[in-house]
Amino acid sequence: MPNAPGEGVYFNRQDYAGFWRRLWIDAIDLFVVACLWLPIGIVLVVALDYNRLTLRLIFAAGLVLAFLYFVLLKGSRIGTLGYLLAASA
């Protein structure tokens, strides 16, 4: 009975990424999100005038972009760019 109460699923330590590899993956992913978010902010500032509404829209766009990238893409089979680069290394 593989899923009996009290029994867990165990993996080898080699199956987990270490601290430095995970830090590298997160740094790459954060850089990607920043590189995608910056042009959105520039376009919003140019299209609209620089005011509080524009800053709120830029912030909201950043939240949506971060959600799409870190939650949906990270949880998918594709994975993020950081994970793809770490898997190939």
N, C-alpha and C. Protein backbone atom coordinates (compact mmCIF):
# COMPACT_ATOMS: atom_id res chain seq x y z
N MET A 1 0.85 -1.17 0.00
CA MET A 1 0.00 0.00 0.00
C MET A 1 0.90 1.24 0.00
N PRO A 2 1.11 1.86 -1.15
CA PRO A 2 2.11 2.94 -1.25
C PRO A 2 1.70 4.24 -0.56
N ASN A 3 0.42 4.53 -0.46
CA ASN A 3 -0.01 5.81 0.12
C ASN A 3 -0.65 5.64 1.49
N ALA A 4 -0.10 4.77 2.28
CA ALA A 4 -0.64 4.56 3.61
C ALA A 4 -0.38 5.79 4.47
N PRO A 5 -1.27 6.06 5.44
CA PRO A 5 -1.04 7.22 6.32
C PRO A 5 0.28 7.08 7.07
N GLY A 6 0.99 8.17 7.15
CA GLY A 6 2.27 8.18 7.84
C GLY A 6 3.45 7.90 6.95
N GLU A 7 3.18 7.41 5.76
CA GLU A 7 4.27 7.17 4.83
C GLU A 7 4.40 8.37 3.90
N GLY A 8 5.60 8.75 3.61
CA GLY A 8 5.84 9.88 2.73
C GLY A 8 6.59 9.45 1.49
N VAL A 9 6.69 10.34 0.58
CA VAL A 9 7.48 10.12 -0.62
C VAL A 9 8.82 10.78 -0.41
N TYR A 10 9.87 10.04 -0.58
CA TYR A 10 11.21 10.55 -0.33
C TYR A 10 12.00 10.60 -1.63
N PHE A 11 12.82 11.62 -1.77
CA PHE A 11 13.66 11.79 -2.93
C PHE A 11 15.12 11.82 -2.48
N ASN A 12 15.99 11.55 -3.39
CA ASN A 12 17.42 11.65 -3.10
C ASN A 12 17.81 13.13 -3.00
N ARG A 13 18.86 13.40 -2.24
CA ARG A 13 19.33 14.78 -2.11
C ARG A 13 19.78 15.34 -3.46
N GLN A 14 20.23 14.50 -4.37
CA GLN A 14 20.68 14.96 -5.69
C GLN A 14 19.52 15.46 -6.54
N ASP A 15 18.28 15.09 -6.16
CA ASP A 15 17.12 15.53 -6.93
C ASP A 15 16.74 16.98 -6.64
N TYR A 16 17.27 17.55 -5.57
CA TYR A 16 16.96 18.92 -5.19
C TYR A 16 18.08 19.87 -5.62
N ALA A 17 17.66 21.05 -6.04
CA ALA A 17 18.65 22.07 -6.36
C ALA A 17 19.15 22.68 -5.06
N GLY A 18 20.43 22.95 -4.99
CA GLY A 18 21.01 23.55 -3.79
C GLY A 18 20.67 25.02 -3.68
N PHE A 19 21.14 25.62 -2.59
CA PHE A 19 20.85 27.03 -2.31
C PHE A 19 21.37 27.93 -3.42
N TRP A 20 22.62 27.75 -3.83
CA TRP A 20 23.23 28.65 -4.82
C TRP A 20 22.59 28.49 -6.18
N ARG A 21 22.23 27.27 -6.54
CA ARG A 21 21.56 27.07 -7.84
C ARG A 21 20.18 27.71 -7.82
N ARG A 22 19.46 27.57 -6.73
CA ARG A 22 18.13 28.19 -6.64
C ARG A 22 18.24 29.71 -6.62
N LEU A 23 19.27 30.23 -5.97
CA LEU A 23 19.49 31.68 -5.98
C LEU A 23 19.77 32.17 -7.40
N TRP A 24 20.57 31.44 -8.14
CA TRP A 24 20.89 31.77 -9.54
C TRP A 24 19.62 31.72 -10.39
N ILE A 25 18.79 30.69 -10.20
CA ILE A 25 17.54 30.56 -10.94
C ILE A 25 16.63 31.75 -10.65
N ASP A 26 16.48 32.10 -9.38
CA ASP A 26 15.61 33.22 -9.02
C ASP A 26 16.15 34.55 -9.52
N ALA A 27 17.46 34.73 -9.54
CA ALA A 27 18.06 35.96 -10.07
C ALA A 27 17.78 36.09 -11.56
N ILE A 28 17.91 35.00 -12.29
CA ILE A 28 17.62 35.02 -13.73
C ILE A 28 16.15 35.35 -13.96
N ASP A 29 15.26 34.71 -13.21
CA ASP A 29 13.84 34.94 -13.38
C ASP A 29 13.45 36.37 -13.01
N LEU A 30 14.04 36.89 -11.97
CA LEU A 30 13.76 38.28 -11.59
C LEU A 30 14.25 39.25 -12.67
N PHE A 31 15.41 38.96 -13.26
CA PHE A 31 15.93 39.79 -14.35
C PHE A 31 15.00 39.75 -15.56
N VAL A 32 14.47 38.58 -15.88
CA VAL A 32 13.56 38.45 -17.02
C VAL A 32 12.29 39.26 -16.78
N VAL A 33 11.72 39.16 -15.58
CA VAL A 33 10.51 39.92 -15.28
C VAL A 33 10.79 41.42 -15.33
N ALA A 34 11.93 41.84 -14.81
CA ALA A 34 12.28 43.27 -14.85
C ALA A 34 12.46 43.75 -16.29
N CYS A 35 13.06 42.91 -17.13
CA CYS A 35 13.26 43.29 -18.54
C CYS A 35 11.93 43.35 -19.30
N LEU A 36 10.96 42.58 -18.88
CA LEU A 36 9.64 42.65 -19.51
C LEU A 36 8.81 43.80 -18.94
N TRP A 37 9.03 44.10 -17.67
CA TRP A 37 8.23 45.13 -17.00
C TRP A 37 8.68 46.54 -17.38
N LEU A 38 9.95 46.73 -17.61
CA LEU A 38 10.48 48.06 -17.93
C LEU A 38 9.87 48.64 -19.21
N PRO A 39 9.80 47.91 -20.31
CA PRO A 39 9.16 48.50 -21.50
C PRO A 39 7.68 48.80 -21.29
N ILE A 40 7.00 47.99 -20.50
CA ILE A 40 5.59 48.26 -20.22
C ILE A 40 5.47 49.60 -19.49
N GLY A 41 6.34 49.82 -18.52
CA GLY A 41 6.33 51.08 -17.78
C GLY A 41 6.66 52.27 -18.66
N ILE A 42 7.62 52.09 -19.54
CA ILE A 42 8.00 53.20 -20.44
C ILE A 42 6.85 53.54 -21.38
N VAL A 43 6.21 52.51 -21.93
CA VAL A 43 5.08 52.75 -22.84
C VAL A 43 3.94 53.44 -22.11
N LEU A 44 3.66 53.03 -20.88
CA LEU A 44 2.58 53.68 -20.12
C LEU A 44 2.91 55.13 -19.79
N VAL A 45 4.15 55.41 -19.46
CA VAL A 45 4.53 56.79 -19.15
C VAL A 45 4.46 57.66 -20.40
N VAL A 46 4.85 57.12 -21.54
CA VAL A 46 4.81 57.90 -22.79
C VAL A 46 3.37 58.07 -23.26
N ALA A 47 2.58 56.99 -23.20
CA ALA A 47 1.20 57.06 -23.68
C ALA A 47 0.33 57.92 -22.77
N LEU A 48 0.46 57.72 -21.49
CA LEU A 48 -0.26 58.53 -20.53
C LEU A 48 0.71 59.56 -19.96
N ASP A 49 0.24 60.45 -19.19
CA ASP A 49 1.15 61.41 -18.58
C ASP A 49 1.67 60.81 -17.27
N TYR A 50 2.80 61.28 -16.82
CA TYR A 50 3.40 60.77 -15.58
C TYR A 50 2.62 61.33 -14.40
N ASN A 51 1.77 60.50 -13.81
CA ASN A 51 1.00 60.91 -12.64
C ASN A 51 0.74 59.68 -11.77
N ARG A 52 -0.08 59.85 -10.75
CA ARG A 52 -0.33 58.73 -9.82
C ARG A 52 -1.03 57.57 -10.51
N LEU A 53 -1.95 57.87 -11.41
CA LEU A 53 -2.66 56.81 -12.12
C LEU A 53 -1.69 55.97 -12.95
N THR A 54 -0.76 56.62 -13.60
CA THR A 54 0.23 55.90 -14.39
C THR A 54 1.08 55.00 -13.50
N LEU A 55 1.50 55.50 -12.35
CA LEU A 55 2.28 54.68 -11.43
C LEU A 55 1.49 53.49 -10.93
N ARG A 56 0.21 53.69 -10.68
CA ARG A 56 -0.64 52.57 -10.24
C ARG A 56 -0.80 51.55 -11.36
N LEU A 57 -0.95 52.00 -12.58
CA LEU A 57 -1.06 51.08 -13.71
C LEU A 57 0.24 50.30 -13.92
N ILE A 58 1.36 50.97 -13.77
CA ILE A 58 2.65 50.29 -13.90
C ILE A 58 2.80 49.24 -12.80
N PHE A 59 2.41 49.59 -11.58
CA PHE A 59 2.48 48.64 -10.47
C PHE A 59 1.56 47.46 -10.72
N ALA A 60 0.33 47.72 -11.17
CA ALA A 60 -0.62 46.64 -11.46
C ALA A 60 -0.11 45.76 -12.60
N ALA A 61 0.49 46.36 -13.61
CA ALA A 61 1.05 45.58 -14.71
C ALA A 61 2.18 44.69 -14.22
N GLY A 62 2.97 45.21 -13.30
CA GLY A 62 4.05 44.41 -12.72
C GLY A 62 3.52 43.23 -11.93
N LEU A 63 2.45 43.45 -11.17
CA LEU A 63 1.85 42.35 -10.41
C LEU A 63 1.28 41.28 -11.33
N VAL A 64 0.59 41.70 -12.38
CA VAL A 64 0.04 40.74 -13.33
C VAL A 64 1.16 39.99 -14.04
N LEU A 65 2.18 40.69 -14.45
CA LEU A 65 3.31 40.05 -15.13
C LEU A 65 4.02 39.07 -14.20
N ALA A 66 4.24 39.47 -12.96
CA ALA A 66 4.89 38.57 -12.00
C ALA A 66 4.02 37.34 -11.74
N PHE A 67 2.71 37.52 -11.64
CA PHE A 67 1.82 36.38 -11.45
C PHE A 67 1.90 35.43 -12.63
N LEU A 68 1.80 35.98 -13.83
CA LEU A 68 1.84 35.13 -15.02
C LEU A 68 3.16 34.37 -15.12
N TYR A 69 4.25 35.05 -14.82
CA TYR A 69 5.57 34.43 -14.98
C TYR A 69 5.88 33.46 -13.84
N PHE A 70 5.74 33.92 -12.60
CA PHE A 70 6.18 33.12 -11.47
C PHE A 70 5.18 32.04 -11.06
N VAL A 71 3.91 32.25 -11.28
CA VAL A 71 2.92 31.26 -10.85
C VAL A 71 2.53 30.35 -12.01
N LEU A 72 2.04 30.93 -13.08
CA LEU A 72 1.55 30.10 -14.17
C LEU A 72 2.67 29.43 -14.96
N LEU A 73 3.68 30.20 -15.34
CA LEU A 73 4.76 29.63 -16.14
C LEU A 73 5.64 28.70 -15.32
N LYS A 74 5.91 29.05 -14.08
CA LYS A 74 6.74 28.21 -13.22
C LYS A 74 6.06 26.88 -12.93
N GLY A 75 4.75 26.90 -12.81
CA GLY A 75 4.01 25.68 -12.53
C GLY A 75 3.70 24.84 -13.75
N SER A 76 3.98 25.36 -14.92
CA SER A 76 3.68 24.62 -16.15
C SER A 76 4.81 23.66 -16.50
N ARG A 77 4.61 22.89 -17.52
CA ARG A 77 5.65 21.97 -17.99
C ARG A 77 6.81 22.71 -18.63
N ILE A 78 6.55 23.89 -19.14
CA ILE A 78 7.60 24.66 -19.81
C ILE A 78 8.64 25.13 -18.80
N GLY A 79 8.19 25.73 -17.71
CA GLY A 79 9.11 26.26 -16.71
C GLY A 79 9.61 27.63 -17.10
N THR A 80 10.30 28.27 -16.20
CA THR A 80 10.82 29.60 -16.45
C THR A 80 12.19 29.51 -17.11
N LEU A 81 12.68 30.63 -17.58
CA LEU A 81 13.98 30.68 -18.23
C LEU A 81 15.08 30.28 -17.26
N GLY A 82 14.97 30.67 -16.01
CA GLY A 82 15.96 30.29 -15.01
C GLY A 82 16.05 28.79 -14.84
N TYR A 83 14.89 28.12 -14.77
CA TYR A 83 14.88 26.68 -14.64
C TYR A 83 15.42 26.00 -15.90
N LEU A 84 15.08 26.55 -17.06
CA LEU A 84 15.58 25.95 -18.30
C LEU A 84 17.10 26.07 -18.40
N LEU A 85 17.64 27.22 -17.99
CA LEU A 85 19.10 27.40 -18.03
C LEU A 85 19.79 26.54 -16.98
N ALA A 86 19.16 26.37 -15.81
CA ALA A 86 19.76 25.56 -14.76
C ALA A 86 19.72 24.08 -15.12
N ALA A 87 18.69 23.67 -15.83
CA ALA A 87 18.59 22.26 -16.23
C ALA A 87 19.63 21.91 -17.29
N SER A 88 19.97 22.89 -18.12
CA SER A 88 20.95 22.62 -19.17
C SER A 88 22.38 22.70 -18.64
N ALA A 89 22.57 23.33 -17.48
CA ALA A 89 23.93 23.47 -16.93
C ALA A 89 24.38 22.23 -16.20
